[in-house]
């Protein structure tokens, strides 16, 4: 049996939880990675309503589904970001509040601490079958970044500006990770443009800023590397023990120059003049066989979670195709030494 194949519910938050569970099972998924928005996972209800977590597990079980991770990308984005009116659209009203930047960042940090507590309570309530497969309790998410706007170094970045950004990240995330440690939960950053880590070099710098503490790891997603020209297979090799979760997501980039480049030309997703685009699994430029081989090499045996995005494809069609694609491309590592078979008498 391969690794469980789950569906990240972030792009499906418009659907009621029971409806999505029914659809996801029909698409062919083994479980869900629950987003902390829509009605899929409410951090406060988990902590305040004694029956809430059990109801979630009961609904999952009714549809033959499991869960191995929850995700708090939207709140996480606000923890280190330079806050502006765009954040109001992605944050709960109570967290955005009056929009004053430091207050937003502090409320987002407090919410992430509560998310660690909610994750612990939720997974403690899991059925025995899930607990038997659960490798670790994971909260996936973003960090935001106070220095993303400096990614293109002109005007020239001043001495210590980048270092100050990583110090700000550590100052804000170490108290959060203290709560994660207390709860026995890990935080998995989805390495991604606009985050404190967006490639291999910046990911290592983020780890170093936190002095390598184990509560901080990564949600590996190759779609955010391939169009940048980042070696996503090398990322697995370098950070294998720190890969706490995996997103199976594809992206396509043009083999020839286009009118827009890596920065997108301010064109919306789906525009045919873009140089790169998120696409349904198997329709992009990511080599998933090499990913599976290297996940096997580093010993990753957690879920493979489909984050489905394709602006130009029906999502029900794409999700069904994606579930089958992951199950087809996944395989277990060999448990024998091949050449040794020649020694058998």
Protein backbone atom coordinates (compact mmCIF):
# COMPACT_ATOMS: atom_id res chain seq x y z
CA UNK A 1 0.00 0.00 0.00
CA UNK A 2 1.37 3.44 -0.96
CA UNK A 3 1.39 6.63 1.01
CA UNK A 4 -2.09 8.09 1.70
CA UNK A 5 -3.25 10.51 -0.99
CA UNK A 6 -5.09 13.50 0.44
CA UNK A 7 -6.70 16.64 -0.94
CA UNK A 8 -5.84 20.07 0.46
CA UNK A 9 -9.16 21.79 1.05
CA UNK A 10 -7.94 25.39 0.71
CA UNK A 11 -9.17 25.75 -2.86
CA UNK A 12 -12.49 24.10 -1.94
CA UNK A 13 -13.44 26.28 1.03
CA UNK A 14 -16.62 27.39 -0.75
CA UNK A 15 -18.05 23.90 -0.21
CA UNK A 16 -19.59 22.74 3.10
CA UNK A 17 -17.44 20.16 4.84
CA UNK A 18 -19.80 17.22 4.39
CA UNK A 19 -20.27 18.03 0.70
CA UNK A 20 -16.52 18.20 0.12
CA UNK A 21 -15.95 14.92 1.98
CA UNK A 22 -18.47 13.19 -0.26
CA UNK A 23 -16.91 14.67 -3.39
CA UNK A 24 -13.32 13.94 -2.33
CA UNK A 25 -14.11 10.29 -1.76
CA UNK A 26 -15.72 10.16 -5.17
CA UNK A 27 -12.64 11.76 -6.70
CA UNK A 28 -10.57 8.89 -5.28
CA UNK A 29 -8.81 10.47 -2.29
CA UNK A 30 -7.90 8.69 0.95
CA UNK A 31 -8.25 11.76 3.11
CA UNK A 32 -8.17 15.54 3.47
CA UNK A 33 -5.64 18.14 4.55
CA UNK A 34 -7.93 20.56 6.35
CA UNK A 35 -7.66 24.30 5.77
CA UNK A 36 -8.39 26.57 8.73
CA UNK A 37 -10.95 28.57 6.77
CA UNK A 38 -14.37 27.98 5.34
CA UNK A 39 -16.12 25.50 7.66
CA UNK A 40 -13.45 22.84 7.28
CA UNK A 41 -11.49 23.44 10.50
CA UNK A 42 -12.31 26.13 13.06
CA UNK A 43 -9.46 26.56 15.53
CA UNK A 44 -11.62 28.20 18.17
CA UNK A 45 -14.41 25.65 17.96
CA UNK A 46 -11.92 22.81 18.39
CA UNK A 47 -10.69 24.40 21.60
CA UNK A 48 -14.05 25.59 22.96
CA UNK A 49 -16.59 22.96 21.81
CA UNK A 50 -15.97 19.54 23.35
CA UNK A 51 -17.79 17.72 20.58
CA UNK A 52 -16.42 19.62 17.57
CA UNK A 53 -13.33 17.50 16.89
CA UNK A 54 -15.27 14.25 17.19
CA UNK A 55 -17.90 15.52 14.76
CA UNK A 56 -15.17 16.26 12.23
CA UNK A 57 -13.69 12.79 12.59
CA UNK A 58 -17.15 11.23 12.40
CA UNK A 59 -17.85 13.05 9.14
CA UNK A 60 -14.51 12.01 7.71
CA UNK A 61 -15.10 8.40 8.76
CA UNK A 62 -18.63 8.40 7.29
CA UNK A 63 -17.06 9.05 3.91
CA UNK A 64 -14.10 6.70 4.39
CA UNK A 65 -11.56 9.52 4.76
CA UNK A 66 -8.65 10.29 7.07
CA UNK A 67 -6.67 13.41 7.98
CA UNK A 68 -2.96 13.82 8.71
CA UNK A 69 -2.42 17.60 8.66
CA UNK A 70 -4.18 20.92 9.04
CA UNK A 71 -3.14 24.12 7.32
CA UNK A 72 -3.07 27.75 8.41
CA UNK A 73 -1.56 29.52 5.42
CA UNK A 74 -3.67 32.67 5.50
CA UNK A 75 -3.12 33.57 9.14
CA UNK A 76 0.55 32.60 8.88
CA UNK A 77 1.07 35.06 6.03
CA UNK A 78 0.35 37.96 8.36
CA UNK A 79 2.85 37.05 11.07
CA UNK A 80 5.94 38.58 9.43
CA UNK A 81 4.47 40.51 6.51
CA UNK A 82 4.44 44.24 5.89
CA UNK A 83 0.69 44.56 6.36
CA UNK A 84 -1.40 46.46 3.81
CA UNK A 85 -5.09 46.48 2.75
CA UNK A 86 -4.66 43.27 0.71
CA UNK A 87 -4.44 41.28 3.95
CA UNK A 88 -7.98 42.22 4.90
CA UNK A 89 -9.26 39.93 2.13
CA UNK A 90 -7.48 36.83 3.48
CA UNK A 91 -7.70 37.29 7.26
CA UNK A 92 -10.55 36.78 9.72
CA UNK A 93 -12.04 40.09 10.76
CA UNK A 94 -10.94 39.60 14.36
CA UNK A 95 -7.32 39.25 13.29
CA UNK A 96 -7.23 42.10 10.76
CA UNK A 97 -9.09 44.38 13.17
CA UNK A 98 -8.21 48.04 12.60
CA UNK A 99 -5.47 47.07 10.19
CA UNK A 100 -2.66 48.64 12.21
CA UNK A 101 0.30 46.47 11.14
CA UNK A 102 1.85 45.47 14.43
CA UNK A 103 -1.50 44.62 15.97
CA UNK A 104 -2.35 42.44 12.96
CA UNK A 105 0.97 40.63 13.24
CA UNK A 106 0.57 40.02 16.96
CA UNK A 107 -3.00 38.73 16.62
CA UNK A 108 -1.90 36.42 13.78
CA UNK A 109 0.92 35.07 15.93
CA UNK A 110 -1.48 34.43 18.81
CA UNK A 111 -3.83 32.61 16.42
CA UNK A 112 -0.99 30.37 15.24
CA UNK A 113 -0.25 29.43 18.85
CA UNK A 114 -3.90 28.50 19.29
CA UNK A 115 -3.69 26.50 16.07
CA UNK A 116 -0.94 24.34 17.57
CA UNK A 117 -3.16 23.65 20.57
CA UNK A 118 -6.13 22.90 18.34
CA UNK A 119 -4.07 20.52 16.20
CA UNK A 120 -3.03 18.60 19.30
CA UNK A 121 -6.59 18.32 20.54
CA UNK A 122 -7.88 17.35 17.10
CA UNK A 123 -5.34 14.60 16.48
CA UNK A 124 -5.71 13.30 20.04
CA UNK A 125 -9.37 12.71 19.13
CA UNK A 126 -8.50 10.80 15.95
CA UNK A 127 -9.68 7.22 15.45
CA UNK A 128 -7.18 4.49 16.26
CA UNK A 129 -6.68 3.69 12.58
CA UNK A 130 -5.53 7.26 11.89
CA UNK A 131 -3.30 7.38 14.95
CA UNK A 132 -1.63 4.22 13.71
CA UNK A 133 -0.69 5.93 10.45
CA UNK A 134 0.01 9.41 11.82
CA UNK A 135 3.75 10.07 11.71
CA UNK A 136 3.51 13.47 13.41
CA UNK A 137 0.93 16.17 14.09
CA UNK A 138 1.52 18.80 11.41
CA UNK A 139 0.33 22.36 10.88
CA UNK A 140 1.26 23.55 7.40
CA UNK A 141 1.41 27.24 6.69
CA UNK A 142 3.12 30.42 5.64
CA UNK A 143 5.28 32.87 7.61
CA UNK A 144 5.07 36.03 5.56
CA UNK A 145 8.23 38.10 5.23
CA UNK A 146 9.29 41.63 6.09
CA UNK A 147 12.00 41.50 3.38
CA UNK A 148 10.26 39.95 0.36
CA UNK A 149 10.06 43.41 -1.25
CA UNK A 150 13.89 43.39 -1.28
CA UNK A 151 14.09 40.24 -3.44
CA UNK A 152 15.28 42.27 -6.43
CA UNK A 153 18.17 44.22 -5.04
CA UNK A 154 17.58 47.65 -6.50
CA UNK A 155 17.84 50.17 -5.06
CA UNK A 156 20.74 48.22 -3.55
CA UNK A 157 19.86 46.46 -0.31
CA UNK A 158 21.50 48.21 2.63
CA UNK A 159 23.92 46.43 4.97
CA UNK A 160 22.06 44.24 7.47
CA UNK A 161 18.58 44.71 5.91
CA UNK A 162 18.30 41.02 5.01
CA UNK A 163 19.83 39.91 8.29
CA UNK A 164 17.36 42.11 10.14
CA UNK A 165 14.55 40.37 8.25
CA UNK A 166 15.66 36.94 9.42
CA UNK A 167 16.08 38.26 12.96
CA UNK A 168 12.51 39.58 12.80
CA UNK A 169 11.32 36.17 11.61
CA UNK A 170 13.11 34.41 14.49
CA UNK A 171 11.82 36.91 17.04
CA UNK A 172 8.25 36.35 15.93
CA UNK A 173 8.36 32.61 15.34
CA UNK A 174 10.39 31.32 18.27
CA UNK A 175 7.60 32.05 20.80
CA UNK A 176 5.13 30.37 18.41
CA UNK A 177 7.36 27.33 18.09
CA UNK A 178 7.66 27.16 21.89
CA UNK A 179 3.91 26.40 21.93
CA UNK A 180 4.32 23.89 19.09
CA UNK A 181 6.99 22.13 21.15
CA UNK A 182 4.78 22.13 24.24
CA UNK A 183 1.98 20.52 22.22
CA UNK A 184 4.16 18.00 20.39
CA UNK A 185 3.19 19.52 17.02
CA UNK A 186 5.42 20.66 14.15
CA UNK A 187 5.10 23.65 11.84
CA UNK A 188 5.74 23.00 8.15
CA UNK A 189 6.46 26.10 6.08
CA UNK A 190 5.42 25.86 2.46
CA UNK A 191 8.51 27.34 0.81
CA UNK A 192 7.03 29.88 -1.55
CA UNK A 193 7.58 33.36 -2.99
CA UNK A 194 6.52 36.06 -0.47
CA UNK A 195 7.63 33.85 2.46
CA UNK A 196 10.83 34.10 4.52
CA UNK A 197 12.01 31.04 2.54
CA UNK A 198 11.35 30.76 -1.19
CA UNK A 199 14.25 28.61 -2.46
CA UNK A 200 17.00 26.35 -1.07
CA UNK A 201 19.33 29.16 0.03
CA UNK A 202 16.65 31.14 1.85
CA UNK A 203 15.23 27.95 3.39
CA UNK A 204 18.60 27.19 4.95
CA UNK A 205 18.85 30.74 6.19
CA UNK A 206 15.45 30.40 7.86
CA UNK A 207 16.53 27.18 9.58
CA UNK A 208 19.72 28.86 10.74
CA UNK A 209 17.83 31.88 12.05
CA UNK A 210 15.90 29.51 14.35
CA UNK A 211 19.12 27.70 15.30
CA UNK A 212 17.86 24.50 13.71
CA UNK A 213 15.01 23.83 16.12
CA UNK A 214 13.07 20.74 15.12
CA UNK A 215 9.58 22.19 15.52
CA UNK A 216 10.20 24.07 12.26
CA UNK A 217 10.26 22.17 9.00
CA UNK A 218 8.84 22.25 5.51
CA UNK A 219 5.79 21.41 3.47
CA UNK A 220 7.56 20.46 0.23
CA UNK A 221 5.78 21.78 -2.87
CA UNK A 222 7.70 21.54 -6.16
CA UNK A 223 5.34 23.84 -8.06
CA UNK A 224 6.86 26.89 -6.38
CA UNK A 225 10.39 25.90 -7.35
CA UNK A 226 10.18 24.69 -10.94
CA UNK A 227 9.42 27.98 -12.66
CA UNK A 228 12.02 29.81 -10.55
CA UNK A 229 14.75 27.46 -11.78
CA UNK A 230 15.26 25.98 -8.28
CA UNK A 231 16.34 22.34 -8.04
CA UNK A 232 13.37 20.82 -6.23
CA UNK A 233 15.00 17.37 -6.08
CA UNK A 234 18.04 18.88 -4.37
CA UNK A 235 15.69 20.47 -1.83
CA UNK A 236 14.53 16.98 -0.84
CA UNK A 237 18.10 15.76 -0.47
CA UNK A 238 19.19 18.73 1.62
CA UNK A 239 16.16 18.95 3.91
CA UNK A 240 14.88 15.36 3.94
CA UNK A 241 14.56 14.95 7.74
CA UNK A 242 12.85 18.34 7.92
CA UNK A 243 10.22 17.60 5.27
CA UNK A 244 7.15 17.10 7.45
CA UNK A 245 4.54 17.14 4.69
CA UNK A 246 4.35 17.04 0.88
CA UNK A 247 2.14 18.86 -1.58
CA UNK A 248 1.75 17.24 -4.96
CA UNK A 249 1.24 20.22 -7.22
CA UNK A 250 2.35 20.87 -10.77
CA UNK A 251 3.41 24.00 -12.62
CA UNK A 252 4.22 24.53 -16.26
CA UNK A 253 6.77 26.91 -17.68
CA UNK A 254 7.38 27.74 -21.30
CA UNK A 255 10.39 26.11 -23.00
CA UNK A 256 10.81 29.29 -25.04
CA UNK A 257 10.83 32.98 -24.02
CA UNK A 258 7.47 34.70 -23.67
CA UNK A 259 6.23 38.30 -23.50
CA UNK A 260 6.11 37.91 -19.70
CA UNK A 261 8.74 36.17 -17.60
CA UNK A 262 9.14 34.70 -14.12
CA UNK A 263 7.65 37.83 -12.55
CA UNK A 264 4.44 37.38 -14.55
CA UNK A 265 4.08 40.77 -16.22
CA UNK A 266 1.16 41.56 -13.86
CA UNK A 267 -0.91 39.11 -15.91
CA UNK A 268 -3.58 37.13 -14.03
CA UNK A 269 -3.30 33.36 -13.68
CA UNK A 270 -4.86 31.72 -16.70
CA UNK A 271 -3.66 34.36 -19.17
CA UNK A 272 -2.16 32.59 -22.23
CA UNK A 273 0.73 35.06 -22.35
CA UNK A 274 2.13 34.04 -18.97
CA UNK A 275 5.55 32.36 -18.93
CA UNK A 276 4.46 29.96 -16.20
CA UNK A 277 1.23 28.65 -14.76
CA UNK A 278 -0.01 26.25 -12.09
CA UNK A 279 -1.49 23.21 -13.81
CA UNK A 280 -3.26 20.03 -12.83
CA UNK A 281 -0.94 17.15 -11.95
CA UNK A 282 0.74 15.61 -14.97
CA UNK A 283 0.07 18.64 -17.19
CA UNK A 284 3.05 20.70 -16.10
CA UNK A 285 6.85 20.63 -16.02
CA UNK A 286 7.52 18.86 -12.70
CA UNK A 287 9.22 15.44 -12.79
CA UNK A 288 7.22 13.58 -10.17
CA UNK A 289 9.04 10.27 -10.60
CA UNK A 290 12.26 11.90 -9.42
CA UNK A 291 10.37 13.39 -6.49
CA UNK A 292 9.02 9.98 -5.43
CA UNK A 293 12.43 8.34 -5.81
CA UNK A 294 14.06 11.00 -3.64
CA UNK A 295 11.28 11.04 -1.05
CA UNK A 296 11.92 7.30 -0.77
CA UNK A 297 15.65 7.96 -0.45
CA UNK A 298 15.19 10.35 2.50
CA UNK A 299 12.60 8.08 4.14
CA UNK A 300 9.51 10.27 3.83
CA UNK A 301 6.44 8.11 4.44
CA UNK A 302 3.78 10.69 5.20
CA UNK A 303 0.84 11.73 3.04
CA UNK A 304 1.03 13.01 -0.53
CA UNK A 305 -1.45 15.87 -0.53
CA UNK A 306 -2.83 17.25 -3.78
CA UNK A 307 -3.08 21.02 -3.84
CA UNK A 308 -5.17 21.36 -6.96
CA UNK A 309 -4.89 24.55 -9.01
CA UNK A 310 -5.47 24.96 -12.72
CA UNK A 311 -7.20 28.12 -13.85
CA UNK A 312 -8.22 26.57 -17.16
CA UNK A 313 -9.56 23.17 -16.08
CA UNK A 314 -12.76 22.06 -14.36
CA UNK A 315 -11.74 21.29 -10.79
CA UNK A 316 -13.82 18.14 -10.36
CA UNK A 317 -12.29 16.68 -13.50
CA UNK A 318 -8.82 17.79 -12.41
CA UNK A 319 -9.10 16.49 -8.86
CA UNK A 320 -10.28 13.07 -10.05
CA UNK A 321 -7.43 12.90 -12.53
CA UNK A 322 -4.95 14.13 -9.90
CA UNK A 323 -5.88 11.47 -7.31
CA UNK A 324 -5.35 8.74 -9.90
CA UNK A 325 -2.10 10.35 -11.05
CA UNK A 326 -0.58 10.36 -7.56
CA UNK A 327 -1.55 6.75 -6.91
CA UNK A 328 -0.03 5.77 -10.23
CA UNK A 329 3.25 7.65 -9.77
CA UNK A 330 3.85 6.65 -6.13
CA UNK A 331 5.80 3.49 -5.32
CA UNK A 332 7.51 1.99 -2.29
CA UNK A 333 11.29 1.76 -2.07
CA UNK A 334 12.95 -1.61 -2.54
CA UNK A 335 13.48 -3.64 0.61
CA UNK A 336 16.16 -5.82 -0.94
CA UNK A 337 19.65 -5.27 -2.31
CA UNK A 338 19.19 -6.15 -5.97
CA UNK A 339 22.65 -7.53 -6.68
CA UNK A 340 22.44 -9.74 -3.61
CA UNK A 341 19.87 -11.86 -5.41
CA UNK A 342 22.64 -13.28 -7.57
CA UNK A 343 24.07 -14.85 -4.41
CA UNK A 344 20.93 -16.89 -3.69
CA UNK A 345 21.50 -20.61 -3.87
